[in-house]
């Protein structure tokens, strides 16, 4: 389960997600408007917010597929 701080940060990078629309952890981030440039911006924001650095092998479309997959990668680095 993603934390609230992550959900707020993520919402800033999803142009197709309405402010009052719930964020489903399994929804495609691409379907919510996250493109390759947005992935780079989101990566920078996540790393800055959590004081982490994702490994190079985690920087792929699978990691950025859904909120849940991205949160899993973030959580793995935080522990």
PDB file of N, CA and C in Angstrom:
ATOM      1  N   UNK A   1       0.844  -1.184   0.000  1.00  0.00           N
ATOM      2  CA  UNK A   1       0.000   0.000   0.000  1.00  0.00           C
ATOM      3  C   UNK A   1       0.886   1.242   0.000  1.00  0.00           C
ATOM      4  N   UNK A   2       0.591   2.153  -0.919  1.00  0.00           N
ATOM      5  CA  UNK A   2       1.388   3.371  -1.018  1.00  0.00           C
ATOM      6  C   UNK A   2       1.044   4.323   0.122  1.00  0.00           C
ATOM      7  N   UNK A   3       2.020   5.133   0.516  1.00  0.00           N
ATOM      8  CA  UNK A   3       1.735   6.071   1.606  1.00  0.00           C
ATOM      9  C   UNK A   3       1.154   7.368   1.049  1.00  0.00           C
ATOM     10  N   UNK A   4       0.562   8.159   1.911  1.00  0.00           N
ATOM     11  CA  UNK A   4      -0.135   9.374   1.500  1.00  0.00           C
ATOM     12  C   UNK A   4       0.817  10.388   0.869  1.00  0.00           C
ATOM     13  N   UNK A   5       1.994  10.516   1.414  1.00  0.00           N
ATOM     14  CA  UNK A   5       2.978  11.470   0.883  1.00  0.00           C
ATOM     15  C   UNK A   5       3.339  11.113  -0.556  1.00  0.00           C
ATOM     16  N   UNK A   6       3.502   9.815  -0.819  1.00  0.00           N
ATOM     17  CA  UNK A   6       3.809   9.342  -2.170  1.00  0.00           C
ATOM     18  C   UNK A   6       2.638   9.609  -3.115  1.00  0.00           C
ATOM     19  N   UNK A   7       1.430   9.371  -2.655  1.00  0.00           N
ATOM     20  CA  UNK A   7       0.239   9.604  -3.486  1.00  0.00           C
ATOM     21  C   UNK A   7       0.116  11.071  -3.874  1.00  0.00           C
ATOM     22  N   UNK A   8       0.366  11.975  -2.941  1.00  0.00           N
ATOM     23  CA  UNK A   8       0.293  13.410  -3.225  1.00  0.00           C
ATOM     24  C   UNK A   8       1.356  13.789  -4.254  1.00  0.00           C
ATOM     25  N   UNK A   9       2.566  13.312  -4.069  1.00  0.00           N
ATOM     26  CA  UNK A   9       3.655  13.593  -4.996  1.00  0.00           C
ATOM     27  C   UNK A   9       3.339  13.037  -6.384  1.00  0.00           C
ATOM     28  N   UNK A  10       2.848  11.831  -6.429  1.00  0.00           N
ATOM     29  CA  UNK A  10       2.534  11.173  -7.694  1.00  0.00           C
ATOM     30  C   UNK A  10       1.443  11.915  -8.460  1.00  0.00           C
ATOM     31  N   UNK A  11       0.425  12.358  -7.758  1.00  0.00           N
ATOM     32  CA  UNK A  11      -0.692  13.075  -8.391  1.00  0.00           C
ATOM     33  C   UNK A  11      -0.212  14.303  -9.165  1.00  0.00           C
ATOM     34  N   UNK A  12       0.835  14.950  -8.694  1.00  0.00           N
ATOM     35  CA  UNK A  12       1.360  16.148  -9.366  1.00  0.00           C
ATOM     36  C   UNK A  12       1.889  15.854 -10.766  1.00  0.00           C
ATOM     37  N   UNK A  13       2.166  14.582 -11.038  1.00  0.00           N
ATOM     38  CA  UNK A  13       2.768  14.177 -12.312  1.00  0.00           C
ATOM     39  C   UNK A  13       1.801  13.413 -13.207  1.00  0.00           C
ATOM     40  N   UNK A  14       0.534  13.391 -12.832  1.00  0.00           N
ATOM     41  CA  UNK A  14      -0.465  12.641 -13.592  1.00  0.00           C
ATOM     42  C   UNK A  14      -1.546  13.575 -14.121  1.00  0.00           C
ATOM     43  N   UNK A  15      -1.333  14.149 -15.295  1.00  0.00           N
ATOM     44  CA  UNK A  15      -2.247  15.165 -15.814  1.00  0.00           C
ATOM     45  C   UNK A  15      -3.655  14.669 -16.119  1.00  0.00           C
ATOM     46  N   UNK A  16      -3.839  13.381 -16.340  1.00  0.00           N
ATOM     47  CA  UNK A  16      -5.172  12.865 -16.671  1.00  0.00           C
ATOM     48  C   UNK A  16      -5.951  12.395 -15.451  1.00  0.00           C
ATOM     49  N   UNK A  17      -5.392  12.546 -14.266  1.00  0.00           N
ATOM     50  CA  UNK A  17      -6.076  12.153 -13.038  1.00  0.00           C
ATOM     51  C   UNK A  17      -6.716  13.391 -12.422  1.00  0.00           C
ATOM     52  N   UNK A  18      -8.041  13.391 -12.368  1.00  0.00           N
ATOM     53  CA  UNK A  18      -8.765  14.533 -11.800  1.00  0.00           C
ATOM     54  C   UNK A  18      -8.466  14.643 -10.307  1.00  0.00           C
ATOM     55  N   UNK A  19      -8.453  15.869  -9.779  1.00  0.00           N
ATOM     56  CA  UNK A  19      -8.135  16.066  -8.352  1.00  0.00           C
ATOM     57  C   UNK A  19      -9.034  15.267  -7.401  1.00  0.00           C
ATOM     58  N   UNK A  20     -10.280  15.052  -7.771  1.00  0.00           N
ATOM     59  CA  UNK A  20     -11.203  14.331  -6.895  1.00  0.00           C
ATOM     60  C   UNK A  20     -11.309  12.841  -7.233  1.00  0.00           C
ATOM     61  N   UNK A  21     -10.552  12.394  -8.234  1.00  0.00           N
ATOM     62  CA  UNK A  21     -10.579  10.992  -8.642  1.00  0.00           C
ATOM     63  C   UNK A  21      -9.647  10.167  -7.751  1.00  0.00           C
ATOM     64  N   UNK A  22     -10.119   9.018  -7.265  1.00  0.00           N
ATOM     65  CA  UNK A  22      -9.242   8.174  -6.443  1.00  0.00           C
ATOM     66  C   UNK A  22      -8.066   7.640  -7.266  1.00  0.00           C
ATOM     67  N   UNK A  23      -6.953   7.484  -6.606  1.00  0.00           N
ATOM     68  CA  UNK A  23      -5.759   6.933  -7.249  1.00  0.00           C
ATOM     69  C   UNK A  23      -5.715   5.439  -6.973  1.00  0.00           C
ATOM     70  N   UNK A  24      -5.986   4.658  -8.000  1.00  0.00           N
ATOM     71  CA  UNK A  24      -5.946   3.199  -7.895  1.00  0.00           C
ATOM     72  C   UNK A  24      -4.493   2.757  -8.053  1.00  0.00           C
ATOM     73  N   UNK A  25      -4.020   1.966  -7.124  1.00  0.00           N
ATOM     74  CA  UNK A  25      -2.622   1.524  -7.135  1.00  0.00           C
ATOM     75  C   UNK A  25      -2.252   0.704  -8.359  1.00  0.00           C
ATOM     76  N   UNK A  26      -3.228   0.132  -9.027  1.00  0.00           N
ATOM     77  CA  UNK A  26      -2.953  -0.752 -10.155  1.00  0.00           C
ATOM     78  C   UNK A  26      -3.287  -0.140 -11.509  1.00  0.00           C
ATOM     79  N   UNK A  27      -3.611   1.135 -11.539  1.00  0.00           N
ATOM     80  CA  UNK A  27      -3.892   1.822 -12.791  1.00  0.00           C
ATOM     81  C   UNK A  27      -2.590   2.135 -13.509  1.00  0.00           C
ATOM     82  N   UNK A  28      -2.607   2.019 -14.813  1.00  0.00           N
ATOM     83  CA  UNK A  28      -1.436   2.340 -15.616  1.00  0.00           C
ATOM     84  C   UNK A  28      -1.105   3.821 -15.489  1.00  0.00           C
ATOM     85  N   UNK A  29       0.140   4.119 -15.123  1.00  0.00           N
ATOM     86  CA  UNK A  29       0.571   5.507 -15.037  1.00  0.00           C
ATOM     87  C   UNK A  29       0.563   6.165 -16.415  1.00  0.00           C
ATOM     88  N   UNK A  30       0.823   5.405 -17.438  1.00  0.00           N
ATOM     89  CA  UNK A  30       0.781   5.917 -18.799  1.00  0.00           C
ATOM     90  C   UNK A  30      -0.637   6.364 -19.159  1.00  0.00           C
ATOM     91  N   UNK A  31      -1.625   5.569 -18.740  1.00  0.00           N
ATOM     92  CA  UNK A  31      -3.032   5.924 -18.988  1.00  0.00           C
ATOM     93  C   UNK A  31      -3.421   7.205 -18.259  1.00  0.00           C
ATOM     94  N   UNK A  32      -2.706   7.523 -17.188  1.00  0.00           N
ATOM     95  CA  UNK A  32      -2.987   8.740 -16.415  1.00  0.00           C
ATOM     96  C   UNK A  32      -2.147   9.922 -16.896  1.00  0.00           C
ATOM     97  N   UNK A  33      -1.424   9.728 -18.019  1.00  0.00           N
ATOM     98  CA  UNK A  33      -0.715  10.832 -18.648  1.00  0.00           C
ATOM     99  C   UNK A  33       0.772  10.900 -18.389  1.00  0.00           C
ATOM    100  N   UNK A  34       1.339   9.889 -17.738  1.00  0.00           N
ATOM    101  CA  UNK A  34       2.781   9.913 -17.477  1.00  0.00           C
ATOM    102  C   UNK A  34       3.530   9.480 -18.735  1.00  0.00           C
ATOM    103  N   UNK A  35       4.287  10.406 -19.318  1.00  0.00           N
ATOM    104  CA  UNK A  35       5.089  10.082 -20.496  1.00  0.00           C
ATOM    105  C   UNK A  35       6.560   9.978 -20.082  1.00  0.00           C
ATOM    106  N   UNK A  36       7.451   9.804 -21.046  1.00  0.00           N
ATOM    107  CA  UNK A  36       8.867   9.596 -20.706  1.00  0.00           C
ATOM    108  C   UNK A  36       9.475  10.820 -20.021  1.00  0.00           C
ATOM    109  N   UNK A  37       9.101  12.003 -20.449  1.00  0.00           N
ATOM    110  CA  UNK A  37       9.606  13.209 -19.785  1.00  0.00           C
ATOM    111  C   UNK A  37       9.053  13.291 -18.364  1.00  0.00           C
ATOM    112  N   UNK A  38       7.792  12.940 -18.211  1.00  0.00           N
ATOM    113  CA  UNK A  38       7.171  12.916 -16.893  1.00  0.00           C
ATOM    114  C   UNK A  38       7.827  11.897 -15.971  1.00  0.00           C
ATOM    115  N   UNK A  39       8.275  10.771 -16.543  1.00  0.00           N
ATOM    116  CA  UNK A  39       8.959   9.764 -15.736  1.00  0.00           C
ATOM    117  C   UNK A  39      10.239  10.335 -15.135  1.00  0.00           C
ATOM    118  N   UNK A  40      10.982  11.093 -15.938  1.00  0.00           N
ATOM    119  CA  UNK A  40      12.232  11.690 -15.462  1.00  0.00           C
ATOM    120  C   UNK A  40      11.940  12.699 -14.350  1.00  0.00           C
ATOM    121  N   UNK A  41      10.926  13.527 -14.557  1.00  0.00           N
ATOM    122  CA  UNK A  41      10.550  14.519 -13.545  1.00  0.00           C
ATOM    123  C   UNK A  41      10.056  13.842 -12.268  1.00  0.00           C
ATOM    124  N   UNK A  42       9.255  12.798 -12.435  1.00  0.00           N
ATOM    125  CA  UNK A  42       8.746  12.055 -11.277  1.00  0.00           C
ATOM    126  C   UNK A  42       9.887  11.384 -10.524  1.00  0.00           C
ATOM    127  N   UNK A  43      10.810  10.795 -11.249  1.00  0.00           N
ATOM    128  CA  UNK A  43      11.970  10.153 -10.627  1.00  0.00           C
ATOM    129  C   UNK A  43      12.730  11.154  -9.769  1.00  0.00           C
ATOM    130  N   UNK A  44      12.992  12.314 -10.320  1.00  0.00           N
ATOM    131  CA  UNK A  44      13.710  13.348  -9.583  1.00  0.00           C
ATOM    132  C   UNK A  44      12.937  13.767  -8.332  1.00  0.00           C
ATOM    133  N   UNK A  45      11.634  13.928  -8.460  1.00  0.00           N
ATOM    134  CA  UNK A  45      10.805  14.335  -7.326  1.00  0.00           C
ATOM    135  C   UNK A  45      10.788  13.269  -6.235  1.00  0.00           C
ATOM    136  N   UNK A  46      10.656  12.014  -6.623  1.00  0.00           N
ATOM    137  CA  UNK A  46      10.617  10.911  -5.654  1.00  0.00           C
ATOM    138  C   UNK A  46      11.958  10.789  -4.936  1.00  0.00           C
ATOM    139  N   UNK A  47      13.035  10.836  -5.692  1.00  0.00           N
ATOM    140  CA  UNK A  47      14.357  10.718  -5.075  1.00  0.00           C
ATOM    141  C   UNK A  47      14.609  11.874  -4.106  1.00  0.00           C
ATOM    142  N   UNK A  48      14.199  13.072  -4.489  1.00  0.00           N
ATOM    143  CA  UNK A  48      14.374  14.224  -3.610  1.00  0.00           C
ATOM    144  C   UNK A  48      13.507  14.144  -2.364  1.00  0.00           C
ATOM    145  N   UNK A  49      12.262  13.746  -2.531  1.00  0.00           N
ATOM    146  CA  UNK A  49      11.319  13.676  -1.412  1.00  0.00           C
ATOM    147  C   UNK A  49      11.744  12.640  -0.375  1.00  0.00           C
ATOM    148  N   UNK A  50      12.235  11.499  -0.840  1.00  0.00           N
ATOM    149  CA  UNK A  50      12.577  10.408   0.070  1.00  0.00           C
ATOM    150  C   UNK A  50      14.069  10.298   0.357  1.00  0.00           C
ATOM    151  N   UNK A  51      14.895  11.146  -0.261  1.00  0.00           N
ATOM    152  CA  UNK A  51      16.327  11.097  -0.009  1.00  0.00           C
ATOM    153  C   UNK A  51      16.956   9.782  -0.431  1.00  0.00           C
ATOM    154  N   UNK A  52      16.509   9.266  -1.572  1.00  0.00           N
ATOM    155  CA  UNK A  52      16.989   7.976  -2.071  1.00  0.00           C
ATOM    156  C   UNK A  52      17.510   8.145  -3.490  1.00  0.00           C
ATOM    157  N   UNK A  53      18.111   7.086  -3.994  1.00  0.00           N
ATOM    158  CA  UNK A  53      18.468   7.026  -5.404  1.00  0.00           C
ATOM    159  C   UNK A  53      18.102   5.631  -5.891  1.00  0.00           C
ATOM    160  N   UNK A  54      17.206   5.577  -6.876  1.00  0.00           N
ATOM    161  CA  UNK A  54      16.833   4.290  -7.449  1.00  0.00           C
ATOM    162  C   UNK A  54      17.982   3.767  -8.291  1.00  0.00           C
ATOM    163  N   UNK A  55      18.169   2.475  -8.257  1.00  0.00           N
ATOM    164  CA  UNK A  55      19.237   1.853  -9.035  1.00  0.00           C
ATOM    165  C   UNK A  55      18.923   1.969 -10.522  1.00  0.00           C
ATOM    166  N   UNK A  56      19.959   2.000 -11.314  1.00  0.00           N
ATOM    167  CA  UNK A  56      19.790   2.131 -12.763  1.00  0.00           C
ATOM    168  C   UNK A  56      18.900   1.036 -13.343  1.00  0.00           C
ATOM    169  N   UNK A  57      19.009  -0.184 -12.820  1.00  0.00           N
ATOM    170  CA  UNK A  57      18.192  -1.270 -13.371  1.00  0.00           C
ATOM    171  C   UNK A  57      16.714  -1.137 -13.010  1.00  0.00           C
ATOM    172  N   UNK A  58      16.391  -0.228 -12.108  1.00  0.00           N
ATOM    173  CA  UNK A  58      14.988   0.024 -11.751  1.00  0.00           C
ATOM    174  C   UNK A  58      14.374   1.113 -12.626  1.00  0.00           C
ATOM    175  N   UNK A  59      15.180   1.750 -13.424  1.00  0.00           N
ATOM    176  CA  UNK A  59      14.700   2.855 -14.251  1.00  0.00           C
ATOM    177  C   UNK A  59      14.198   2.314 -15.583  1.00  0.00           C
ATOM    178  N   UNK A  60      13.010   1.743 -15.542  1.00  0.00           N
ATOM    179  CA  UNK A  60      12.426   1.154 -16.739  1.00  0.00           C
ATOM    180  C   UNK A  60      10.902   1.289 -16.696  1.00  0.00           C
ATOM    181  N   UNK A  61      10.284   0.945 -17.793  1.00  0.00           N
ATOM    182  CA  UNK A  61       8.822   1.096 -17.877  1.00  0.00           C
ATOM    183  C   UNK A  61       8.086   0.153 -16.932  1.00  0.00           C
ATOM    184  N   UNK A  62       8.681  -0.954 -16.576  1.00  0.00           N
ATOM    185  CA  UNK A  62       8.022  -1.871 -15.631  1.00  0.00           C
ATOM    186  C   UNK A  62       7.926  -1.239 -14.246  1.00  0.00           C
ATOM    187  N   UNK A  63       8.974  -0.586 -13.820  1.00  0.00           N
ATOM    188  CA  UNK A  63       8.962   0.078 -12.515  1.00  0.00           C
ATOM    189  C   UNK A  63       7.925   1.193 -12.496  1.00  0.00           C
ATOM    190  N   UNK A  64       7.800   1.903 -13.603  1.00  0.00           N
ATOM    191  CA  UNK A  64       6.885   3.034 -13.707  1.00  0.00           C
ATOM    192  C   UNK A  64       5.537   2.631 -14.313  1.00  0.00           C
ATOM    193  N   UNK A  65       5.184   1.356 -14.249  1.00  0.00           N
ATOM    194  CA  UNK A  65       3.939   0.879 -14.852  1.00  0.00           C
ATOM    195  C   UNK A  65       2.705   1.334 -14.076  1.00  0.00           C
ATOM    196  N   UNK A  66       2.743   1.216 -12.755  1.00  0.00           N
ATOM    197  CA  UNK A  66       1.595   1.556 -11.910  1.00  0.00           C
ATOM    198  C   UNK A  66       2.099   2.227 -10.634  1.00  0.00           C
ATOM    199  N   UNK A  67       1.222   2.878  -9.898  1.00  0.00           N
ATOM    200  CA  UNK A  67       1.644   3.417  -8.601  1.00  0.00           C
ATOM    201  C   UNK A  67       2.231   2.325  -7.702  1.00  0.00           C
ATOM    202  N   UNK A  68       1.646   1.145  -7.735  1.00  0.00           N
ATOM    203  CA  UNK A  68       2.113   0.048  -6.871  1.00  0.00           C
ATOM    204  C   UNK A  68       3.523  -0.408  -7.233  1.00  0.00           C
ATOM    205  N   UNK A  69       3.830  -0.524  -8.528  1.00  0.00           N
ATOM    206  CA  UNK A  69       5.166  -0.988  -8.914  1.00  0.00           C
ATOM    207  C   UNK A  69       6.227   0.063  -8.597  1.00  0.00           C
ATOM    208  N   UNK A  70       5.882   1.317  -8.769  1.00  0.00           N
ATOM    209  CA  UNK A  70       6.839   2.378  -8.431  1.00  0.00           C
ATOM    210  C   UNK A  70       7.050   2.446  -6.924  1.00  0.00           C
ATOM    211  N   UNK A  71       5.975   2.339  -6.163  1.00  0.00           N
ATOM    212  CA  UNK A  71       6.098   2.360  -4.705  1.00  0.00           C
ATOM    213  C   UNK A  71       6.929   1.176  -4.207  1.00  0.00           C
ATOM    214  N   UNK A  72       6.770   0.037  -4.850  1.00  0.00           N
ATOM    215  CA  UNK A  72       7.563  -1.145  -4.467  1.00  0.00           C
ATOM    216  C   UNK A  72       9.050  -0.862  -4.650  1.00  0.00           C
ATOM    217  N   UNK A  73       9.418  -0.227  -5.758  1.00  0.00           N
ATOM    218  CA  UNK A  73      10.830   0.103  -6.012  1.00  0.00           C
ATOM    219  C   UNK A  73      11.342   1.115  -4.993  1.00  0.00           C
ATOM    220  N   UNK A  74      10.526   2.106  -4.659  1.00  0.00           N
ATOM    221  CA  UNK A  74      10.897   3.118  -3.664  1.00  0.00           C
ATOM    222  C   UNK A  74      11.059   2.452  -2.300  1.00  0.00           C
ATOM    223  N   UNK A  75      10.133   1.624  -1.932  1.00  0.00           N
ATOM    224  CA  UNK A  75      10.167   0.950  -0.623  1.00  0.00           C
ATOM    225  C   UNK A  75      11.392   0.053  -0.500  1.00  0.00           C
ATOM    226  N   UNK A  76      11.771  -0.613  -1.576  1.00  0.00           N
ATOM    227  CA  UNK A  76      12.939  -1.511  -1.557  1.00  0.00           C
ATOM    228  C   UNK A  76      14.217  -0.738  -1.252  1.00  0.00           C
ATOM    229  N   UNK A  77      14.317   0.486  -1.753  1.00  0.00           N
ATOM    230  CA  UNK A  77      15.519   1.294  -1.535  1.00  0.00           C
ATOM    231  C   UNK A  77      15.497   1.904  -0.134  1.00  0.00           C
ATOM    232  N   UNK A  78      14.332   2.196   0.371  1.00  0.00           N
ATOM    233  CA  UNK A  78      14.213   2.847   1.689  1.00  0.00           C
ATOM    234  C   UNK A  78      14.544   1.904   2.829  1.00  0.00           C
ATOM    235  N   UNK A  79      14.449   0.599   2.628  1.00  0.00           N
ATOM    236  CA  UNK A  79      14.690  -0.330   3.739  1.00  0.00           C
ATOM    237  C   UNK A  79      16.129  -0.744   3.837  1.00  0.00           C
TER     238      UNK A  79
END
